[in-house]
PDB file of N, CA and C in Angstrom:
ATOM      1  N   MET A   1      41.364   0.782  16.065  1.00  0.00           N
ATOM      2  CA  MET A   1      39.928   0.678  16.269  1.00  0.00           C
ATOM      3  C   MET A   1      39.652  -0.218  17.484  1.00  0.00           C
ATOM      4  N   SER A   2      38.798   0.262  18.381  1.00  0.00           N
ATOM      5  CA  SER A   2      38.494  -0.532  19.574  1.00  0.00           C
ATOM      6  C   SER A   2      37.529  -1.657  19.229  1.00  0.00           C
ATOM      7  N   ASN A   3      37.406  -2.609  20.148  1.00  0.00           N
ATOM      8  CA  ASN A   3      36.475  -3.717  19.943  1.00  0.00           C
ATOM      9  C   ASN A   3      35.047  -3.214  19.771  1.00  0.00           C
ATOM     10  N   LYS A   4      34.684  -2.169  20.543  1.00  0.00           N
ATOM     11  CA  LYS A   4      33.335  -1.610  20.437  1.00  0.00           C
ATOM     12  C   LYS A   4      33.118  -1.002  19.063  1.00  0.00           C
ATOM     13  N   ASP A   5      34.102  -0.243  18.565  1.00  0.00           N
ATOM     14  CA  ASP A   5      33.975   0.362  17.233  1.00  0.00           C
ATOM     15  C   ASP A   5      33.819  -0.723  16.176  1.00  0.00           C
ATOM     16  N   GLU A   6      34.609  -1.768  16.317  1.00  0.00           N
ATOM     17  CA  GLU A   6      34.552  -2.892  15.379  1.00  0.00           C
ATOM     18  C   GLU A   6      33.178  -3.566  15.422  1.00  0.00           C
ATOM     19  N   PHE A   7      32.669  -3.749  16.643  1.00  0.00           N
ATOM     20  CA  PHE A   7      31.343  -4.353  16.824  1.00  0.00           C
ATOM     21  C   PHE A   7      30.281  -3.513  16.111  1.00  0.00           C
ATOM     22  N   TYR A   8      30.309  -2.199  16.326  1.00  0.00           N
ATOM     23  CA  TYR A   8      29.300  -1.327  15.727  1.00  0.00           C
ATOM     24  C   TYR A   8      29.437  -1.247  14.205  1.00  0.00           C
ATOM     25  N   THR A   9      30.653  -1.311  13.699  1.00  0.00           N
ATOM     26  CA  THR A   9      30.876  -1.311  12.250  1.00  0.00           C
ATOM     27  C   THR A   9      30.266  -2.574  11.635  1.00  0.00           C
ATOM     28  N   LYS A  10      30.515  -3.734  12.270  1.00  0.00           N
ATOM     29  CA  LYS A  10      29.951  -4.994  11.779  1.00  0.00           C
ATOM     30  C   LYS A  10      28.428  -4.987  11.884  1.00  0.00           C
ATOM     31  N   LEU A  11      27.916  -4.456  12.996  1.00  0.00           N
ATOM     32  CA  LEU A  11      26.470  -4.404  13.203  1.00  0.00           C
ATOM     33  C   LEU A  11      25.805  -3.554  12.121  1.00  0.00           C
ATOM     34  N   LYS A  12      26.411  -2.426  11.804  1.00  0.00           N
ATOM     35  CA  LYS A  12      25.861  -1.533  10.777  1.00  0.00           C
ATOM     36  C   LYS A  12      25.760  -2.259   9.427  1.00  0.00           C
ATOM     37  N   VAL A  13      26.811  -2.952   9.042  1.00  0.00           N
ATOM     38  CA  VAL A  13      26.817  -3.698   7.780  1.00  0.00           C
ATOM     39  C   VAL A  13      25.731  -4.780   7.807  1.00  0.00           C
ATOM     40  N   GLN A  14      25.672  -5.499   8.916  1.00  0.00           N
ATOM     41  CA  GLN A  14      24.696  -6.578   9.068  1.00  0.00           C
ATOM     42  C   GLN A  14      23.260  -6.028   8.987  1.00  0.00           C
ATOM     43  N   LEU A  15      23.007  -4.933   9.675  1.00  0.00           N
ATOM     44  CA  LEU A  15      21.675  -4.335   9.659  1.00  0.00           C
ATOM     45  C   LEU A  15      21.280  -3.903   8.255  1.00  0.00           C
ATOM     46  N   GLU A  16      22.230  -3.285   7.552  1.00  0.00           N
ATOM     47  CA  GLU A  16      21.927  -2.791   6.218  1.00  0.00           C
ATOM     48  C   GLU A  16      21.727  -3.922   5.218  1.00  0.00           C
ATOM     49  N   ASP A  17      22.353  -5.074   5.484  1.00  0.00           N
ATOM     50  CA  ASP A  17      22.166  -6.252   4.623  1.00  0.00           C
ATOM     51  C   ASP A  17      20.827  -6.948   4.876  1.00  0.00           C
ATOM     52  N   THR A  18      20.371  -6.918   6.129  1.00  0.00           N
ATOM     53  CA  THR A  18      19.235  -7.768   6.497  1.00  0.00           C
ATOM     54  C   THR A  18      17.946  -7.011   6.806  1.00  0.00           C
ATOM     55  N   THR A  19      18.003  -5.695   6.937  1.00  0.00           N
ATOM     56  CA  THR A  19      16.843  -4.953   7.407  1.00  0.00           C
ATOM     57  C   THR A  19      16.448  -3.866   6.422  1.00  0.00           C
ATOM     58  N   LYS A  20      15.164  -3.784   6.161  1.00  0.00           N
ATOM     59  CA  LYS A  20      14.637  -2.730   5.295  1.00  0.00           C
ATOM     60  C   LYS A  20      14.053  -1.661   6.224  1.00  0.00           C
ATOM     61  N   PHE A  21      14.696  -0.514   6.274  1.00  0.00           N
ATOM     62  CA  PHE A  21      14.250   0.566   7.161  1.00  0.00           C
ATOM     63  C   PHE A  21      13.252   1.463   6.444  1.00  0.00           C
ATOM     64  N   PRO A  22      12.334   2.119   7.174  1.00  0.00           N
ATOM     65  CA  PRO A  22      12.133   2.035   8.630  1.00  0.00           C
ATOM     66  C   PRO A  22      11.662   0.637   9.032  1.00  0.00           C
ATOM     67  N   ALA A  23      12.058   0.235  10.235  1.00  0.00           N
ATOM     68  CA  ALA A  23      11.745  -1.118  10.700  1.00  0.00           C
ATOM     69  C   ALA A  23      11.573  -1.146  12.215  1.00  0.00           C
ATOM     70  N   ASP A  24      10.800  -2.137  12.661  1.00  0.00           N
ATOM     71  CA  ASP A  24      10.710  -2.391  14.101  1.00  0.00           C
ATOM     72  C   ASP A  24      11.971  -3.132  14.504  1.00  0.00           C
ATOM     73  N   TYR A  25      12.618  -2.668  15.558  1.00  0.00           N
ATOM     74  CA  TYR A  25      13.852  -3.292  16.025  1.00  0.00           C
ATOM     75  C   TYR A  25      13.666  -3.701  17.475  1.00  0.00           C
ATOM     76  N   LEU A  26      14.117  -4.905  17.815  1.00  0.00           N
ATOM     77  CA  LEU A  26      13.987  -5.405  19.183  1.00  0.00           C
ATOM     78  C   LEU A  26      15.339  -5.358  19.887  1.00  0.00           C
ATOM     79  N   TYR A  27      15.393  -4.562  20.937  1.00  0.00           N
ATOM     80  CA  TYR A  27      16.572  -4.525  21.815  1.00  0.00           C
ATOM     81  C   TYR A  27      16.304  -5.453  22.979  1.00  0.00           C
ATOM     82  N   LYS A  28      17.332  -6.181  23.408  1.00  0.00           N
ATOM     83  CA  LYS A  28      17.214  -7.007  24.615  1.00  0.00           C
ATOM     84  C   LYS A  28      18.423  -6.731  25.495  1.00  0.00           C
ATOM     85  N   PHE A  29      18.135  -6.370  26.722  1.00  0.00           N
ATOM     86  CA  PHE A  29      19.193  -6.089  27.691  1.00  0.00           C
ATOM     87  C   PHE A  29      18.920  -6.859  28.966  1.00  0.00           C
ATOM     88  N   ILE A  30      19.989  -7.140  29.695  1.00  0.00           N
ATOM     89  CA  ILE A  30      19.857  -7.657  31.057  1.00  0.00           C
ATOM     90  C   ILE A  30      20.587  -6.658  31.947  1.00  0.00           C
ATOM     91  N   VAL A  31      19.889  -6.220  32.996  1.00  0.00           N
ATOM     92  CA  VAL A  31      20.509  -5.265  33.908  1.00  0.00           C
ATOM     93  C   VAL A  31      20.390  -5.763  35.344  1.00  0.00           C
ATOM     94  N   PRO A  32      21.407  -5.466  36.151  1.00  0.00           N
ATOM     95  CA  PRO A  32      21.314  -5.817  37.570  1.00  0.00           C
ATOM     96  C   PRO A  32      20.296  -4.914  38.258  1.00  0.00           C
ATOM     97  N   THR A  33      19.760  -5.374  39.372  1.00  0.00           N
ATOM     98  CA  THR A  33      18.779  -4.573  40.108  1.00  0.00           C
ATOM     99  C   THR A  33      19.427  -3.853  41.288  1.00  0.00           C
ATOM    100  N   THR A  34      20.751  -3.715  41.257  1.00  0.00           N
ATOM    101  CA  THR A  34      21.471  -3.119  42.383  1.00  0.00           C
ATOM    102  C   THR A  34      21.183  -1.628  42.536  1.00  0.00           C
ATOM    103  N   GLU A  35      20.969  -0.946  41.436  1.00  0.00           N
ATOM    104  CA  GLU A  35      20.659   0.482  41.495  1.00  0.00           C
ATOM    105  C   GLU A  35      19.376   0.704  40.699  1.00  0.00           C
ATOM    106  N   ASN A  36      19.287   1.799  39.971  1.00  0.00           N
ATOM    107  CA  ASN A  36      18.059   2.063  39.214  1.00  0.00           C
ATOM    108  C   ASN A  36      18.281   1.841  37.715  1.00  0.00           C
ATOM    109  N   GLN A  37      18.987   0.752  37.368  1.00  0.00           N
ATOM    110  CA  GLN A  37      19.346   0.497  35.971  1.00  0.00           C
ATOM    111  C   GLN A  37      18.133   0.318  35.053  1.00  0.00           C
ATOM    112  N   VAL A  38      17.071  -0.307  35.553  1.00  0.00           N
ATOM    113  CA  VAL A  38      15.883  -0.501  34.716  1.00  0.00           C
ATOM    114  C   VAL A  38      15.317   0.862  34.325  1.00  0.00           C
ATOM    115  N   THR A  39      15.232   1.768  35.282  1.00  0.00           N
ATOM    116  CA  THR A  39      14.743   3.123  35.009  1.00  0.00           C
ATOM    117  C   THR A  39      15.652   3.835  34.022  1.00  0.00           C
ATOM    118  N   GLU A  40      16.957   3.640  34.157  1.00  0.00           N
ATOM    119  CA  GLU A  40      17.897   4.268  33.220  1.00  0.00           C
ATOM    120  C   GLU A  40      17.654   3.785  31.791  1.00  0.00           C
ATOM    121  N   VAL A  41      17.406   2.485  31.628  1.00  0.00           N
ATOM    122  CA  VAL A  41      17.108   1.945  30.296  1.00  0.00           C
ATOM    123  C   VAL A  41      15.804   2.552  29.784  1.00  0.00           C
ATOM    124  N   GLU A  42      14.779   2.557  30.633  1.00  0.00           N
ATOM    125  CA  GLU A  42      13.488   3.110  30.225  1.00  0.00           C
ATOM    126  C   GLU A  42      13.607   4.582  29.840  1.00  0.00           C
ATOM    127  N   ASP A  43      14.436   5.326  30.557  1.00  0.00           N
ATOM    128  CA  ASP A  43      14.622   6.749  30.264  1.00  0.00           C
ATOM    129  C   ASP A  43      15.212   6.991  28.872  1.00  0.00           C
ATOM    130  N   ILE A  44      16.113   6.099  28.431  1.00  0.00           N
ATOM    131  CA  ILE A  44      16.718   6.228  27.107  1.00  0.00           C
ATOM    132  C   ILE A  44      15.636   6.182  26.032  1.00  0.00           C
ATOM    133  N   PHE A  45      14.632   5.335  26.242  1.00  0.00           N
ATOM    134  CA  PHE A  45      13.590   5.120  25.240  1.00  0.00           C
ATOM    135  C   PHE A  45      12.307   5.885  25.541  1.00  0.00           C
ATOM    136  N   ASP A  46      12.351   6.769  26.545  1.00  0.00           N
ATOM    137  CA  ASP A  46      11.193   7.570  26.924  1.00  0.00           C
ATOM    138  C   ASP A  46      10.787   8.464  25.757  1.00  0.00           C
ATOM    139  N   LYS A  47       9.480   8.594  25.550  1.00  0.00           N
ATOM    140  CA  LYS A  47       8.914   9.478  24.514  1.00  0.00           C
ATOM    141  C   LYS A  47       9.319   9.094  23.091  1.00  0.00           C
ATOM    142  N   THR A  48       9.618   7.806  22.865  1.00  0.00           N
ATOM    143  CA  THR A  48       9.984   7.356  21.518  1.00  0.00           C
ATOM    144  C   THR A  48       8.884   6.485  20.911  1.00  0.00           C
ATOM    145  N   GLY A  49       7.860   6.156  21.711  1.00  0.00           N
ATOM    146  CA  GLY A  49       6.823   5.243  21.249  1.00  0.00           C
ATOM    147  C   GLY A  49       7.226   3.786  21.398  1.00  0.00           C
ATOM    148  N   ALA A  50       8.329   3.533  22.104  1.00  0.00           N
ATOM    149  CA  ALA A  50       8.818   2.163  22.289  1.00  0.00           C
ATOM    150  C   ALA A  50       7.879   1.364  23.189  1.00  0.00           C
ATOM    151  N   VAL A  51       7.778   0.072  22.909  1.00  0.00           N
ATOM    152  CA  VAL A  51       7.050  -0.858  23.781  1.00  0.00           C
ATOM    153  C   VAL A  51       8.104  -1.564  24.627  1.00  0.00           C
ATOM    154  N   ILE A  52       8.021  -1.365  25.939  1.00  0.00           N
ATOM    155  CA  ILE A  52       9.038  -1.899  26.852  1.00  0.00           C
ATOM    156  C   ILE A  52       8.425  -2.959  27.755  1.00  0.00           C
ATOM    157  N   LYS A  53       9.071  -4.130  27.797  1.00  0.00           N
ATOM    158  CA  LYS A  53       8.625  -5.214  28.684  1.00  0.00           C
ATOM    159  C   LYS A  53       9.784  -5.584  29.593  1.00  0.00           C
ATOM    160  N   THR A  54       9.471  -5.780  30.873  1.00  0.00           N
ATOM    161  CA  THR A  54      10.518  -6.175  31.820  1.00  0.00           C
ATOM    162  C   THR A  54      10.111  -7.476  32.498  1.00  0.00           C
ATOM    163  N   LYS A  55      11.124  -8.252  32.863  1.00  0.00           N
ATOM    164  CA  LYS A  55      10.879  -9.521  33.560  1.00  0.00           C
ATOM    165  C   LYS A  55      12.026  -9.753  34.533  1.00  0.00           C
ATOM    166  N   LYS A  56      11.673  -9.938  35.810  1.00  0.00           N
ATOM    167  CA  LYS A  56      12.702 -10.200  36.817  1.00  0.00           C
ATOM    168  C   LYS A  56      13.186 -11.638  36.736  1.00  0.00           C
ATOM    169  N   SER A  57      14.476 -11.821  37.056  1.00  0.00           N
ATOM    170  CA  SER A  57      15.017 -13.181  37.120  1.00  0.00           C
ATOM    171  C   SER A  57      14.450 -13.876  38.354  1.00  0.00           C
ATOM    172  N   LYS A  58      14.598 -15.194  38.422  1.00  0.00           N
ATOM    173  CA  LYS A  58      14.070 -15.959  39.555  1.00  0.00           C
ATOM    174  C   LYS A  58      14.650 -15.474  40.880  1.00  0.00           C
ATOM    175  N   THR A  59      15.923 -15.097  40.861  1.00  0.00           N
ATOM    176  CA  THR A  59      16.573 -14.658  42.099  1.00  0.00           C
ATOM    177  C   THR A  59      16.274 -13.198  42.412  1.00  0.00           C
ATOM    178  N   GLY A  60      15.783 -12.456  41.408  1.00  0.00           N
ATOM    179  CA  GLY A  60      15.489 -11.043  41.609  1.00  0.00           C
ATOM    180  C   GLY A  60      16.706 -10.152  41.485  1.00  0.00           C
ATOM    181  N   LYS A  61      17.862 -10.715  41.143  1.00  0.00           N
ATOM    182  CA  LYS A  61      19.095  -9.928  41.043  1.00  0.00           C
ATOM    183  C   LYS A  61      19.218  -9.214  39.701  1.00  0.00           C
ATOM    184  N   TYR A  62      18.487  -9.713  38.700  1.00  0.00           N
ATOM    185  CA  TYR A  62      18.565  -9.143  37.350  1.00  0.00           C
ATOM    186  C   TYR A  62      17.174  -8.918  36.784  1.00  0.00           C
ATOM    187  N   VAL A  63      17.096  -8.007  35.836  1.00  0.00           N
ATOM    188  CA  VAL A  63      15.851  -7.786  35.099  1.00  0.00           C
ATOM    189  C   VAL A  63      16.179  -7.841  33.621  1.00  0.00           C
ATOM    190  N   SER A  64      15.378  -8.575  32.883  1.00  0.00           N
ATOM    191  CA  SER A  64      15.502  -8.626  31.434  1.00  0.00           C
ATOM    192  C   SER A  64      14.573  -7.533  30.891  1.00  0.00           C
ATOM    193  N   VAL A  65      15.095  -6.708  29.986  1.00  0.00           N
ATOM    194  CA  VAL A  65      14.325  -5.613  29.418  1.00  0.00           C
ATOM    195  C   VAL A  65      14.294  -5.794  27.901  1.00  0.00           C
ATOM    196  N   SER A  66      13.083  -5.898  27.353  1.00  0.00           N
ATOM    197  CA  SER A  66      12.902  -6.000  25.904  1.00  0.00           C
ATOM    198  C   SER A  66      12.237  -4.717  25.424  1.00  0.00           C
ATOM    199  N   ILE A  67      12.772  -4.148  24.365  1.00  0.00           N
ATOM    200  CA  ILE A  67      12.268  -2.882  23.844  1.00  0.00           C
ATOM    201  C   ILE A  67      12.047  -3.011  22.346  1.00  0.00           C
ATOM    202  N   MET A  68      10.819  -2.784  21.908  1.00  0.00           N
ATOM    203  CA  MET A  68      10.496  -2.797  20.479  1.00  0.00           C
ATOM    204  C   MET A  68      10.273  -1.347  20.057  1.00  0.00           C
ATOM    205  N   LEU A  69      10.996  -0.954  19.015  1.00  0.00           N
ATOM    206  CA  LEU A  69      10.966   0.449  18.603  1.00  0.00           C
ATOM    207  C   LEU A  69      11.102   0.545  17.093  1.00  0.00           C
ATOM    208  N   LYS A  70      10.297   1.406  16.474  1.00  0.00           N
ATOM    209  CA  LYS A  70      10.419   1.635  15.031  1.00  0.00           C
ATOM    210  C   LYS A  70      11.548   2.641  14.807  1.00  0.00           C
ATOM    211  N   LEU A  71      12.519   2.247  13.978  1.00  0.00           N
ATOM    212  CA  LEU A  71      13.688   3.095  13.732  1.00  0.00           C
ATOM    213  C   LEU A  71      13.856   3.374  12.245  1.00  0.00           C
ATOM    214  N   LYS A  72      14.465   4.531  11.956  1.00  0.00           N
ATOM    215  CA  LYS A  72      14.600   4.996  10.574  1.00  0.00           C
ATOM    216  C   LYS A  72      15.766   4.362   9.825  1.00  0.00           C
ATOM    217  N   ASN A  73      16.864   4.059  10.554  1.00  0.00           N
ATOM    218  CA  ASN A  73      18.062   3.548   9.864  1.00  0.00           C
ATOM    219  C   ASN A  73      19.004   2.865  10.851  1.00  0.00           C
ATOM    220  N   SER A  74      20.067   2.274  10.319  1.00  0.00           N
ATOM    221  CA  SER A  74      21.013   1.525  11.151  1.00  0.00           C
ATOM    222  C   SER A  74      21.753   2.432  12.137  1.00  0.00           C
ATOM    223  N   ASP A  75      22.004   3.684  11.750  1.00  0.00           N
ATOM    224  CA  ASP A  75      22.690   4.610  12.668  1.00  0.00           C
ATOM    225  C   ASP A  75      21.850   4.867  13.917  1.00  0.00           C
ATOM    226  N   GLU A  76      20.540   4.927  13.726  1.00  0.00           N
ATOM    227  CA  GLU A  76      19.645   5.136  14.867  1.00  0.00           C
ATOM    228  C   GLU A  76      19.674   3.919  15.799  1.00  0.00           C
ATOM    229  N   VAL A  77      19.694   2.714  15.227  1.00  0.00           N
ATOM    230  CA  VAL A  77      19.789   1.480  16.027  1.00  0.00           C
ATOM    231  C   VAL A  77      21.043   1.538  16.900  1.00  0.00           C
ATOM    232  N   ILE A  78      22.162   1.870  16.283  1.00  0.00           N
ATOM    233  CA  ILE A  78      23.449   1.904  16.979  1.00  0.00           C
ATOM    234  C   ILE A  78      23.499   3.014  18.029  1.00  0.00           C
ATOM    235  N   SER A  79      22.869   4.151  17.750  1.00  0.00           N
ATOM    236  CA  SER A  79      22.901   5.258  18.716  1.00  0.00           C
ATOM    237  C   SER A  79      22.262   4.861  20.051  1.00  0.00           C
ATOM    238  N   TYR A  80      21.191   4.046  19.994  1.00  0.00           N
ATOM    239  CA  TYR A  80      20.565   3.590  21.246  1.00  0.00           C
ATOM    240  C   TYR A  80      21.454   2.590  21.982  1.00  0.00           C
ATOM    241  N   TYR A  81      22.156   1.726  21.248  1.00  0.00           N
ATOM    242  CA  TYR A  81      23.111   0.822  21.901  1.00  0.00           C
ATOM    243  C   TYR A  81      24.202   1.621  22.612  1.00  0.00           C
ATOM    244  N   LYS A  82      24.685   2.677  21.970  1.00  0.00           N
ATOM    245  CA  LYS A  82      25.755   3.488  22.568  1.00  0.00           C
ATOM    246  C   LYS A  82      25.273   4.202  23.830  1.00  0.00           C
ATOM    247  N   LYS A  83      24.022   4.645  23.832  1.00  0.00           N
ATOM    248  CA  LYS A  83      23.460   5.273  25.042  1.00  0.00           C
ATOM    249  C   LYS A  83      23.339   4.234  26.156  1.00  0.00           C
ATOM    250  N   ALA A  84      22.867   3.032  25.794  1.00  0.00           N
ATOM    251  CA  ALA A  84      22.631   1.979  26.788  1.00  0.00           C
ATOM    252  C   ALA A  84      23.928   1.447  27.385  1.00  0.00           C
ATOM    253  N   GLU A  85      24.993   1.406  26.594  1.00  0.00           N
ATOM    254  CA  GLU A  85      26.248   0.808  27.086  1.00  0.00           C
ATOM    255  C   GLU A  85      26.846   1.588  28.259  1.00  0.00           C
ATOM    256  N   LYS A  86      26.385   2.808  28.488  1.00  0.00           N
ATOM    257  CA  LYS A  86      26.886   3.623  29.606  1.00  0.00           C
ATOM    258  C   LYS A  86      26.265   3.217  30.942  1.00  0.00           C
ATOM    259  N   ILE A  87      25.216   2.394  30.907  1.00  0.00           N
ATOM    260  CA  ILE A  87      24.530   1.977  32.127  1.00  0.00           C
ATOM    261  C   ILE A  87      25.349   0.894  32.834  1.00  0.00           C
ATOM    262  N   LYS A  88      25.545   1.087  34.120  1.00  0.00           N
ATOM    263  CA  LYS A  88      26.380   0.193  34.925  1.00  0.00           C
ATOM    264  C   LYS A  88      25.839  -1.236  34.921  1.00  0.00           C
ATOM    265  N   GLY A  89      26.685  -2.193  34.499  1.00  0.00           N
ATOM    266  CA  GLY A  89      26.349  -3.603  34.575  1.00  0.00           C
ATOM    267  C   GLY A  89      25.440  -4.127  33.473  1.00  0.00           C
ATOM    268  N   ILE A  90      25.103  -3.292  32.495  1.00  0.00           N
ATOM    269  CA  ILE A  90      24.168  -3.726  31.445  1.00  0.00           C
ATOM    270  C   ILE A  90      24.825  -4.745  30.514  1.00  0.00           C
ATOM    271  N   ILE A  91      24.008  -5.691  30.059  1.00  0.00           N
ATOM    272  CA  ILE A  91      24.455  -6.693  29.083  1.00  0.00           C
ATOM    273  C   ILE A  91      23.493  -6.619  27.897  1.00  0.00           C
ATOM    274  N   SER A  92      24.030  -6.434  26.707  1.00  0.00           N
ATOM    275  CA  SER A  92      23.203  -6.429  25.491  1.00  0.00           C
ATOM    276  C   SER A  92      23.164  -7.833  24.924  1.00  0.00           C
ATOM    277  N   LEU A  93      21.976  -8.280  24.572  1.00  0.00           N
ATOM    278  CA  LEU A  93      21.834  -9.627  23.989  1.00  0.00           C
ATOM    279  C   LEU A  93      21.599  -9.521  22.498  1.00  0.00           C
TER     280      LEU A  93
END
């Protein structure tokens, strides 16, 4: 099992222990501004009803992206993390 698989397995257990679904879930990512990473993150959550807030770092090299989204279950939470992890340079908080 890879570290990512292990992370998602632990996250699923944690979510199911602490969250009553459907629930609002807050994603927080930091992405570099070198390419169109902010748009890529926004595209993942397009047409989902998500509330997306962005904030540039002081240097302008990074953007913090917060996404609030109502989700049905822990698998749905994890599916968005898996989509986001493909974005170059993204950091999940």
